């Protein structure tokens, strides 16, 4: 939804977001108690 909303308005921002997109949400594959420690 975020990409759809801003793709035309801010193409460079969306391009940056999509770089390495496949590794943005890997932390969800681990227990929730770990999330705050493994998102950055």
ModelCIF file with pLDDT and N, C-alpha, C, O atoms, coordinates in Angstrom:
data_MODEL
#
_entry.id   MODEL 
#
_entity.id                         1 
_entity.type                       polymer 
_entity.pdbx_number_of_molecules   1 
#
_entity_poly.entity_id                      1 
_entity_poly.type                           'polypeptide(L)' 
_entity_poly.nstd_linkage                   no 
_entity_poly.nstd_monomer                   no 
_entity_poly.pdbx_seq_one_letter_code       
;(UNK)(UNK)(UNK)(UNK)(UNK)(UNK)(UNK)(UNK)(UNK)(UNK)(UNK)(UNK)(UNK)(UNK)(UNK)(UNK)
(UNK)(UNK)(UNK)(UNK)(UNK)(UNK)(UNK)(UNK)(UNK)(UNK)(UNK)(UNK)(UNK)(UNK)(UNK)(UNK)
(UNK)(UNK)(UNK)(UNK)(UNK)(UNK)(UNK)(UNK)
;
_entity_poly.pdbx_seq_one_letter_code_can   XXXXXXXXXXXXXXXXXXXXXXXXXXXXXXXXXXXXXXXX 
_entity_poly.pdbx_strand_id                 A 
#
loop_
_entity_poly_seq.entity_id 
_entity_poly_seq.num 
_entity_poly_seq.mon_id 
_entity_poly_seq.hetero 
1 1  UNK n 
1 2  UNK n 
1 3  UNK n 
1 4  UNK n 
1 5  UNK n 
1 6  UNK n 
1 7  UNK n 
1 8  UNK n 
1 9  UNK n 
1 10 UNK n 
1 11 UNK n 
1 12 UNK n 
1 13 UNK n 
1 14 UNK n 
1 15 UNK n 
1 16 UNK n 
1 17 UNK n 
1 18 UNK n 
1 19 UNK n 
1 20 UNK n 
1 21 UNK n 
1 22 UNK n 
1 23 UNK n 
1 24 UNK n 
1 25 UNK n 
1 26 UNK n 
1 27 UNK n 
1 28 UNK n 
1 29 UNK n 
1 30 UNK n 
1 31 UNK n 
1 32 UNK n 
1 33 UNK n 
1 34 UNK n 
1 35 UNK n 
1 36 UNK n 
1 37 UNK n 
1 38 UNK n 
1 39 UNK n 
1 40 UNK n 
#
_struct_asym.id          A 
_struct_asym.entity_id   1 
#
loop_
_ma_qa_metric.id 
_ma_qa_metric.mode 
_ma_qa_metric.name 
_ma_qa_metric.software_group_id 
_ma_qa_metric.type 
1 global pLDDT . pLDDT 
2 local  pLDDT . pLDDT 
#
_ma_qa_metric_global.metric_id      1 
_ma_qa_metric_global.metric_value   94.30 
_ma_qa_metric_global.model_id       1 
_ma_qa_metric_global.ordinal_id     1 
#
loop_
_ma_qa_metric_local.label_asym_id 
_ma_qa_metric_local.label_comp_id 
_ma_qa_metric_local.label_seq_id 
_ma_qa_metric_local.metric_id 
_ma_qa_metric_local.metric_value 
_ma_qa_metric_local.model_id 
_ma_qa_metric_local.ordinal_id 
A UNK 1  2 96.00 1 1  
A UNK 2  2 96.00 1 2  
A UNK 3  2 96.00 1 3  
A UNK 4  2 95.00 1 4  
A UNK 5  2 95.00 1 5  
A UNK 6  2 95.00 1 6  
A UNK 7  2 94.00 1 7  
A UNK 8  2 94.00 1 8  
A UNK 9  2 94.00 1 9  
A UNK 10 2 95.00 1 10 
A UNK 11 2 95.00 1 11 
A UNK 12 2 96.00 1 12 
A UNK 13 2 96.00 1 13 
A UNK 14 2 96.00 1 14 
A UNK 15 2 95.00 1 15 
A UNK 16 2 94.00 1 16 
A UNK 17 2 95.00 1 17 
A UNK 18 2 94.00 1 18 
A UNK 19 2 90.00 1 19 
A UNK 20 2 88.00 1 20 
A UNK 21 2 92.00 1 21 
A UNK 22 2 93.00 1 22 
A UNK 23 2 95.00 1 23 
A UNK 24 2 96.00 1 24 
A UNK 25 2 97.00 1 25 
A UNK 26 2 97.00 1 26 
A UNK 27 2 97.00 1 27 
A UNK 28 2 97.00 1 28 
A UNK 29 2 96.00 1 29 
A UNK 30 2 95.00 1 30 
A UNK 31 2 94.00 1 31 
A UNK 32 2 93.00 1 32 
A UNK 33 2 92.00 1 33 
A UNK 34 2 93.00 1 34 
A UNK 35 2 94.00 1 35 
A UNK 36 2 89.00 1 36 
A UNK 37 2 91.00 1 37 
A UNK 38 2 95.00 1 38 
A UNK 39 2 94.00 1 39 
A UNK 40 2 93.00 1 40 
#
loop_
_atom_site.group_PDB 
_atom_site.id 
_atom_site.type_symbol 
_atom_site.label_atom_id 
_atom_site.label_alt_id 
_atom_site.label_comp_id 
_atom_site.label_asym_id 
_atom_site.label_entity_id 
_atom_site.label_seq_id 
_atom_site.pdbx_PDB_ins_code 
_atom_site.Cartn_x 
_atom_site.Cartn_y 
_atom_site.Cartn_z 
_atom_site.occupancy 
_atom_site.B_iso_or_equiv 
_atom_site.pdbx_formal_charge 
_atom_site.auth_seq_id 
_atom_site.auth_comp_id 
_atom_site.auth_asym_id 
_atom_site.auth_atom_id 
_atom_site.pdbx_PDB_model_num 
ATOM 1   N N  . UNK A 1 1  ? 0.831  -1.201  0.000  1.00 96.00 ? 1  UNK A N  1 
ATOM 2   C CA . UNK A 1 1  ? 0.000  0.000   0.000  1.00 96.00 ? 1  UNK A CA 1 
ATOM 3   C C  . UNK A 1 1  ? 0.871  1.258   0.000  1.00 96.00 ? 1  UNK A C  1 
ATOM 4   O O  . UNK A 1 1  ? 0.566  2.229   -0.692 1.00 96.00 ? 1  UNK A O  1 
ATOM 5   N N  . UNK A 1 2  ? 1.947  1.233   0.774  1.00 96.00 ? 2  UNK A N  1 
ATOM 6   C CA . UNK A 1 2  ? 2.856  2.379   0.841  1.00 96.00 ? 2  UNK A CA 1 
ATOM 7   C C  . UNK A 1 2  ? 3.496  2.641   -0.522 1.00 96.00 ? 2  UNK A C  1 
ATOM 8   O O  . UNK A 1 2  ? 3.565  3.782   -0.977 1.00 96.00 ? 2  UNK A O  1 
ATOM 9   N N  . UNK A 1 3  ? 3.960  1.571   -1.166 1.00 96.00 ? 3  UNK A N  1 
ATOM 10  C CA . UNK A 1 3  ? 4.587  1.734   -2.481 1.00 96.00 ? 3  UNK A CA 1 
ATOM 11  C C  . UNK A 1 3  ? 3.578  2.250   -3.498 1.00 96.00 ? 3  UNK A C  1 
ATOM 12  O O  . UNK A 1 3  ? 3.906  3.105   -4.321 1.00 96.00 ? 3  UNK A O  1 
ATOM 13  N N  . UNK A 1 4  ? 2.361  1.738   -3.446 1.00 95.00 ? 4  UNK A N  1 
ATOM 14  C CA . UNK A 1 4  ? 1.334  2.187   -4.381 1.00 95.00 ? 4  UNK A CA 1 
ATOM 15  C C  . UNK A 1 4  ? 0.968  3.644   -4.182 1.00 95.00 ? 4  UNK A C  1 
ATOM 16  O O  . UNK A 1 4  ? 0.699  4.361   -5.146 1.00 95.00 ? 4  UNK A O  1 
ATOM 17  N N  . UNK A 1 5  ? 0.957  4.080   -2.931 1.00 95.00 ? 5  UNK A N  1 
ATOM 18  C CA . UNK A 1 5  ? 0.562  5.449   -2.614 1.00 95.00 ? 5  UNK A CA 1 
ATOM 19  C C  . UNK A 1 5  ? 1.604  6.474   -3.049 1.00 95.00 ? 5  UNK A C  1 
ATOM 20  O O  . UNK A 1 5  ? 1.249  7.566   -3.493 1.00 95.00 ? 5  UNK A O  1 
ATOM 21  N N  . UNK A 1 6  ? 2.896  6.133   -2.926 1.00 95.00 ? 6  UNK A N  1 
ATOM 22  C CA . UNK A 1 6  ? 3.951  7.134   -3.136 1.00 95.00 ? 6  UNK A CA 1 
ATOM 23  C C  . UNK A 1 6  ? 4.825  6.878   -4.357 1.00 95.00 ? 6  UNK A C  1 
ATOM 24  O O  . UNK A 1 6  ? 5.774  7.623   -4.598 1.00 95.00 ? 6  UNK A O  1 
ATOM 25  N N  . UNK A 1 7  ? 4.522  5.835   -5.132 1.00 94.00 ? 7  UNK A N  1 
ATOM 26  C CA . UNK A 1 7  ? 5.400  5.489   -6.256 1.00 94.00 ? 7  UNK A CA 1 
ATOM 27  C C  . UNK A 1 7  ? 5.534  6.637   -7.261 1.00 94.00 ? 7  UNK A C  1 
ATOM 28  O O  . UNK A 1 7  ? 6.646  6.946   -7.690 1.00 94.00 ? 7  UNK A O  1 
ATOM 29  N N  . UNK A 1 8  ? 4.440  7.262   -7.636 1.00 94.00 ? 8  UNK A N  1 
ATOM 30  C CA . UNK A 1 8  ? 4.499  8.345   -8.619 1.00 94.00 ? 8  UNK A CA 1 
ATOM 31  C C  . UNK A 1 8  ? 4.935  9.651   -7.989 1.00 94.00 ? 8  UNK A C  1 
ATOM 32  O O  . UNK A 1 8  ? 5.608  10.458  -8.631 1.00 94.00 ? 8  UNK A O  1 
ATOM 33  N N  . UNK A 1 9  ? 4.564  9.865   -6.754 1.00 94.00 ? 9  UNK A N  1 
ATOM 34  C CA . UNK A 1 9  ? 4.860  11.133  -6.082 1.00 94.00 ? 9  UNK A CA 1 
ATOM 35  C C  . UNK A 1 9  ? 6.328  11.221  -5.672 1.00 94.00 ? 9  UNK A C  1 
ATOM 36  O O  . UNK A 1 9  ? 6.966  12.258  -5.853 1.00 94.00 ? 9  UNK A O  1 
ATOM 37  N N  . UNK A 1 10 ? 6.859  10.135  -5.123 1.00 95.00 ? 10 UNK A N  1 
ATOM 38  C CA . UNK A 1 10 ? 8.249  10.124  -4.665 1.00 95.00 ? 10 UNK A CA 1 
ATOM 39  C C  . UNK A 1 10 ? 8.956  8.879   -5.201 1.00 95.00 ? 10 UNK A C  1 
ATOM 40  O O  . UNK A 1 10 ? 9.232  7.955   -4.436 1.00 95.00 ? 10 UNK A O  1 
ATOM 41  N N  . UNK A 1 11 ? 9.253  8.839   -6.503 1.00 95.00 ? 11 UNK A N  1 
ATOM 42  C CA . UNK A 1 11 ? 9.838  7.638   -7.106 1.00 95.00 ? 11 UNK A CA 1 
ATOM 43  C C  . UNK A 1 11 ? 11.207 7.267   -6.518 1.00 95.00 ? 11 UNK A C  1 
ATOM 44  O O  . UNK A 1 11 ? 11.514 6.083   -6.376 1.00 95.00 ? 11 UNK A O  1 
ATOM 45  N N  . UNK A 1 12 ? 12.028 8.263   -6.177 1.00 96.00 ? 12 UNK A N  1 
ATOM 46  C CA . UNK A 1 12 ? 13.348 7.962   -5.620 1.00 96.00 ? 12 UNK A CA 1 
ATOM 47  C C  . UNK A 1 12 ? 13.232 7.313   -4.244 1.00 96.00 ? 12 UNK A C  1 
ATOM 48  O O  . UNK A 1 12 ? 14.003 6.416   -3.901 1.00 96.00 ? 12 UNK A O  1 
ATOM 49  N N  . UNK A 1 13 ? 12.264 7.777   -3.464 1.00 96.00 ? 13 UNK A N  1 
ATOM 50  C CA . UNK A 1 13 ? 12.057 7.182   -2.140 1.00 96.00 ? 13 UNK A CA 1 
ATOM 51  C C  . UNK A 1 13 ? 11.615 5.726   -2.267 1.00 96.00 ? 13 UNK A C  1 
ATOM 52  O O  . UNK A 1 13 ? 12.081 4.864   -1.523 1.00 96.00 ? 13 UNK A O  1 
ATOM 53  N N  . UNK A 1 14 ? 10.725 5.461   -3.202 1.00 96.00 ? 14 UNK A N  1 
ATOM 54  C CA . UNK A 1 14 ? 10.244 4.091   -3.395 1.00 96.00 ? 14 UNK A CA 1 
ATOM 55  C C  . UNK A 1 14 ? 11.352 3.212   -3.976 1.00 96.00 ? 14 UNK A C  1 
ATOM 56  O O  . UNK A 1 14 ? 11.457 2.034   -3.633 1.00 96.00 ? 14 UNK A O  1 
ATOM 57  N N  . UNK A 1 15 ? 12.179 3.785   -4.856 1.00 95.00 ? 15 UNK A N  1 
ATOM 58  C CA . UNK A 1 15 ? 13.318 3.034   -5.381 1.00 95.00 ? 15 UNK A CA 1 
ATOM 59  C C  . UNK A 1 15 ? 14.246 2.618   -4.245 1.00 95.00 ? 15 UNK A C  1 
ATOM 60  O O  . UNK A 1 15 ? 14.719 1.482   -4.206 1.00 95.00 ? 15 UNK A O  1 
ATOM 61  N N  . UNK A 1 16 ? 14.506 3.545   -3.320 1.00 94.00 ? 16 UNK A N  1 
ATOM 62  C CA . UNK A 1 16 ? 15.352 3.243   -2.167 1.00 94.00 ? 16 UNK A CA 1 
ATOM 63  C C  . UNK A 1 16 ? 14.721 2.171   -1.291 1.00 94.00 ? 16 UNK A C  1 
ATOM 64  O O  . UNK A 1 16 ? 15.410 1.281   -0.793 1.00 94.00 ? 16 UNK A O  1 
ATOM 65  N N  . UNK A 1 17 ? 13.408 2.263   -1.105 1.00 95.00 ? 17 UNK A N  1 
ATOM 66  C CA . UNK A 1 17 ? 12.702 1.279   -0.278 1.00 95.00 ? 17 UNK A CA 1 
ATOM 67  C C  . UNK A 1 17 ? 12.786 -0.115  -0.877 1.00 95.00 ? 17 UNK A C  1 
ATOM 68  O O  . UNK A 1 17 ? 12.925 -1.104  -0.158 1.00 95.00 ? 17 UNK A O  1 
ATOM 69  N N  . UNK A 1 18 ? 12.700 -0.183  -2.208 1.00 94.00 ? 18 UNK A N  1 
ATOM 70  C CA . UNK A 1 18 ? 12.666 -1.490  -2.876 1.00 94.00 ? 18 UNK A CA 1 
ATOM 71  C C  . UNK A 1 18 ? 14.041 -2.143  -2.976 1.00 94.00 ? 18 UNK A C  1 
ATOM 72  O O  . UNK A 1 18 ? 14.131 -3.346  -3.220 1.00 94.00 ? 18 UNK A O  1 
ATOM 73  N N  . UNK A 1 19 ? 15.108 -1.375  -2.792 1.00 90.00 ? 19 UNK A N  1 
ATOM 74  C CA . UNK A 1 19 ? 16.440 -1.961  -2.776 1.00 90.00 ? 19 UNK A CA 1 
ATOM 75  C C  . UNK A 1 19 ? 16.575 -2.872  -1.556 1.00 90.00 ? 19 UNK A C  1 
ATOM 76  O O  . UNK A 1 19 ? 16.340 -2.438  -0.428 1.00 90.00 ? 19 UNK A O  1 
ATOM 77  N N  . UNK A 1 20 ? 16.942 -4.093  -1.772 1.00 88.00 ? 20 UNK A N  1 
ATOM 78  C CA . UNK A 1 20 ? 17.083 -5.067  -0.685 1.00 88.00 ? 20 UNK A CA 1 
ATOM 79  C C  . UNK A 1 20 ? 15.737 -5.366  -0.011 1.00 88.00 ? 20 UNK A C  1 
ATOM 80  O O  . UNK A 1 20 ? 15.688 -5.739  1.161  1.00 88.00 ? 20 UNK A O  1 
ATOM 81  N N  . UNK A 1 21 ? 14.648 -5.197  -0.770 1.00 92.00 ? 21 UNK A N  1 
ATOM 82  C CA . UNK A 1 21 ? 13.303 -5.364  -0.199 1.00 92.00 ? 21 UNK A CA 1 
ATOM 83  C C  . UNK A 1 21 ? 13.082 -6.764  0.373  1.00 92.00 ? 21 UNK A C  1 
ATOM 84  O O  . UNK A 1 21 ? 12.367 -6.926  1.362  1.00 92.00 ? 21 UNK A O  1 
ATOM 85  N N  . UNK A 1 22 ? 13.683 -7.754  -0.234 1.00 93.00 ? 22 UNK A N  1 
ATOM 86  C CA . UNK A 1 22 ? 13.476 -9.128  0.210  1.00 93.00 ? 22 UNK A CA 1 
ATOM 87  C C  . UNK A 1 22 ? 14.013 -9.422  1.601  1.00 93.00 ? 22 UNK A C  1 
ATOM 88  O O  . UNK A 1 22 ? 13.731 -10.476 2.171  1.00 93.00 ? 22 UNK A O  1 
ATOM 89  N N  . UNK A 1 23 ? 14.796 -8.478  2.155  1.00 95.00 ? 23 UNK A N  1 
ATOM 90  C CA . UNK A 1 23 ? 15.390 -8.703  3.477  1.00 95.00 ? 23 UNK A CA 1 
ATOM 91  C C  . UNK A 1 23 ? 14.886 -7.702  4.521  1.00 95.00 ? 23 UNK A C  1 
ATOM 92  O O  . UNK A 1 23 ? 15.461 -7.594  5.604  1.00 95.00 ? 23 UNK A O  1 
ATOM 93  N N  . UNK A 1 24 ? 13.827 -6.980  4.203  1.00 96.00 ? 24 UNK A N  1 
ATOM 94  C CA . UNK A 1 24 ? 13.299 -5.989  5.143  1.00 96.00 ? 24 UNK A CA 1 
ATOM 95  C C  . UNK A 1 24 ? 12.508 -6.628  6.277  1.00 96.00 ? 24 UNK A C  1 
ATOM 96  O O  . UNK A 1 24 ? 12.526 -6.128  7.402  1.00 96.00 ? 24 UNK A O  1 
ATOM 97  N N  . UNK A 1 25 ? 11.821 -7.715  5.996  1.00 97.00 ? 25 UNK A N  1 
ATOM 98  C CA . UNK A 1 25 ? 10.880 -8.287  6.957  1.00 97.00 ? 25 UNK A CA 1 
ATOM 99  C C  . UNK A 1 25 ? 11.299 -9.665  7.455  1.00 97.00 ? 25 UNK A C  1 
ATOM 100 O O  . UNK A 1 25 ? 10.467 -10.429 7.946  1.00 97.00 ? 25 UNK A O  1 
ATOM 101 N N  . UNK A 1 26 ? 12.576 -9.983  7.330  1.00 97.00 ? 26 UNK A N  1 
ATOM 102 C CA . UNK A 1 26 ? 13.066 -11.289 7.784  1.00 97.00 ? 26 UNK A CA 1 
ATOM 103 C C  . UNK A 1 26 ? 12.810 -11.496 9.273  1.00 97.00 ? 26 UNK A C  1 
ATOM 104 O O  . UNK A 1 26 ? 12.587 -12.623 9.715  1.00 97.00 ? 26 UNK A O  1 
ATOM 105 N N  . UNK A 1 27 ? 12.841 -10.415 10.047 1.00 97.00 ? 27 UNK A N  1 
ATOM 106 C CA . UNK A 1 27 ? 12.699 -10.546 11.506 1.00 97.00 ? 27 UNK A CA 1 
ATOM 107 C C  . UNK A 1 27 ? 11.380 -11.202 11.912 1.00 97.00 ? 27 UNK A C  1 
ATOM 108 O O  . UNK A 1 27 ? 11.283 -11.774 12.998 1.00 97.00 ? 27 UNK A O  1 
ATOM 109 N N  . UNK A 1 28 ? 10.354 -11.121 11.041 1.00 97.00 ? 28 UNK A N  1 
ATOM 110 C CA . UNK A 1 28 ? 9.065  -11.740 11.364 1.00 97.00 ? 28 UNK A CA 1 
ATOM 111 C C  . UNK A 1 28 ? 9.156  -13.268 11.434 1.00 97.00 ? 28 UNK A C  1 
ATOM 112 O O  . UNK A 1 28 ? 8.273  -13.916 11.997 1.00 97.00 ? 28 UNK A O  1 
ATOM 113 N N  . UNK A 1 29 ? 10.213 -13.841 10.868 1.00 96.00 ? 29 UNK A N  1 
ATOM 114 C CA . UNK A 1 29 ? 10.372 -15.290 10.888 1.00 96.00 ? 29 UNK A CA 1 
ATOM 115 C C  . UNK A 1 29 ? 10.947 -15.791 12.221 1.00 96.00 ? 29 UNK A C  1 
ATOM 116 O O  . UNK A 1 29 ? 11.153 -16.991 12.400 1.00 96.00 ? 29 UNK A O  1 
ATOM 117 N N  . UNK A 1 30 ? 11.201 -14.874 13.143 1.00 95.00 ? 30 UNK A N  1 
ATOM 118 C CA . UNK A 1 30 ? 11.761 -15.210 14.440 1.00 95.00 ? 30 UNK A CA 1 
ATOM 119 C C  . UNK A 1 30 ? 10.755 -14.867 15.542 1.00 95.00 ? 30 UNK A C  1 
ATOM 120 O O  . UNK A 1 30 ? 9.816  -14.109 15.300 1.00 95.00 ? 30 UNK A O  1 
ATOM 121 N N  . UNK A 1 31 ? 10.936 -15.410 16.740 1.00 94.00 ? 31 UNK A N  1 
ATOM 122 C CA . UNK A 1 31 ? 9.989  -15.141 17.837 1.00 94.00 ? 31 UNK A CA 1 
ATOM 123 C C  . UNK A 1 31 ? 9.817  -13.650 18.101 1.00 94.00 ? 31 UNK A C  1 
ATOM 124 O O  . UNK A 1 31 ? 10.769 -12.875 18.000 1.00 94.00 ? 31 UNK A O  1 
ATOM 125 N N  . UNK A 1 32 ? 8.594  -13.260 18.438 1.00 93.00 ? 32 UNK A N  1 
ATOM 126 C CA . UNK A 1 32 ? 8.284  -11.851 18.623 1.00 93.00 ? 32 UNK A CA 1 
ATOM 127 C C  . UNK A 1 32 ? 9.149  -11.198 19.699 1.00 93.00 ? 32 UNK A C  1 
ATOM 128 O O  . UNK A 1 32 ? 9.463  -10.012 19.608 1.00 93.00 ? 32 UNK A O  1 
ATOM 129 N N  . UNK A 1 33 ? 9.532  -11.963 20.708 1.00 92.00 ? 33 UNK A N  1 
ATOM 130 C CA . UNK A 1 33 ? 10.365 -11.410 21.781 1.00 92.00 ? 33 UNK A CA 1 
ATOM 131 C C  . UNK A 1 33 ? 11.716 -10.926 21.257 1.00 92.00 ? 33 UNK A C  1 
ATOM 132 O O  . UNK A 1 33 ? 12.373 -10.110 21.902 1.00 92.00 ? 33 UNK A O  1 
ATOM 133 N N  . UNK A 1 34 ? 12.133 -11.422 20.097 1.00 93.00 ? 34 UNK A N  1 
ATOM 134 C CA . UNK A 1 34 ? 13.414 -11.035 19.526 1.00 93.00 ? 34 UNK A CA 1 
ATOM 135 C C  . UNK A 1 34 ? 13.310 -9.826  18.607 1.00 93.00 ? 34 UNK A C  1 
ATOM 136 O O  . UNK A 1 34 ? 14.332 -9.225  18.275 1.00 93.00 ? 34 UNK A O  1 
ATOM 137 N N  . UNK A 1 35 ? 12.106 -9.452  18.187 1.00 94.00 ? 35 UNK A N  1 
ATOM 138 C CA . UNK A 1 35 ? 11.948 -8.475  17.118 1.00 94.00 ? 35 UNK A CA 1 
ATOM 139 C C  . UNK A 1 35 ? 12.661 -7.151  17.381 1.00 94.00 ? 35 UNK A C  1 
ATOM 140 O O  . UNK A 1 35 ? 13.327 -6.620  16.494 1.00 94.00 ? 35 UNK A O  1 
ATOM 141 N N  . UNK A 1 36 ? 12.525 -6.617  18.595 1.00 89.00 ? 36 UNK A N  1 
ATOM 142 C CA . UNK A 1 36 ? 13.127 -5.315  18.867 1.00 89.00 ? 36 UNK A CA 1 
ATOM 143 C C  . UNK A 1 36 ? 14.653 -5.354  18.785 1.00 89.00 ? 36 UNK A C  1 
ATOM 144 O O  . UNK A 1 36 ? 15.291 -4.314  18.617 1.00 89.00 ? 36 UNK A O  1 
ATOM 145 N N  . UNK A 1 37 ? 15.238 -6.542  18.901 1.00 91.00 ? 37 UNK A N  1 
ATOM 146 C CA . UNK A 1 37 ? 16.691 -6.680  18.873 1.00 91.00 ? 37 UNK A CA 1 
ATOM 147 C C  . UNK A 1 37 ? 17.233 -6.996  17.486 1.00 91.00 ? 37 UNK A C  1 
ATOM 148 O O  . UNK A 1 37 ? 18.438 -6.881  17.257 1.00 91.00 ? 37 UNK A O  1 
ATOM 149 N N  . UNK A 1 38 ? 16.370 -7.391  16.559 1.00 95.00 ? 38 UNK A N  1 
ATOM 150 C CA . UNK A 1 38 ? 16.871 -7.882  15.269 1.00 95.00 ? 38 UNK A CA 1 
ATOM 151 C C  . UNK A 1 38 ? 16.312 -7.103  14.086 1.00 95.00 ? 38 UNK A C  1 
ATOM 152 O O  . UNK A 1 38 ? 16.356 -7.580  12.953 1.00 95.00 ? 38 UNK A O  1 
ATOM 153 N N  . UNK A 1 39 ? 15.789 -5.912  14.340 1.00 94.00 ? 39 UNK A N  1 
ATOM 154 C CA . UNK A 1 39 ? 15.299 -5.087  13.232 1.00 94.00 ? 39 UNK A CA 1 
ATOM 155 C C  . UNK A 1 39 ? 16.314 -4.039  12.791 1.00 94.00 ? 39 UNK A C  1 
ATOM 156 O O  . UNK A 1 39 ? 16.104 -3.346  11.796 1.00 94.00 ? 39 UNK A O  1 
ATOM 157 N N  . UNK A 1 40 ? 17.405 -3.925  13.526 1.00 93.00 ? 40 UNK A N  1 
ATOM 158 C CA . UNK A 1 40 ? 18.400 -2.908  13.181 1.00 93.00 ? 40 UNK A CA 1 
ATOM 159 C C  . UNK A 1 40 ? 19.774 -3.368  13.643 1.00 93.00 ? 40 UNK A C  1 
ATOM 160 O O  . UNK A 1 40 ? 20.760 -2.656  13.450 1.00 93.00 ? 40 UNK A O  1 
#
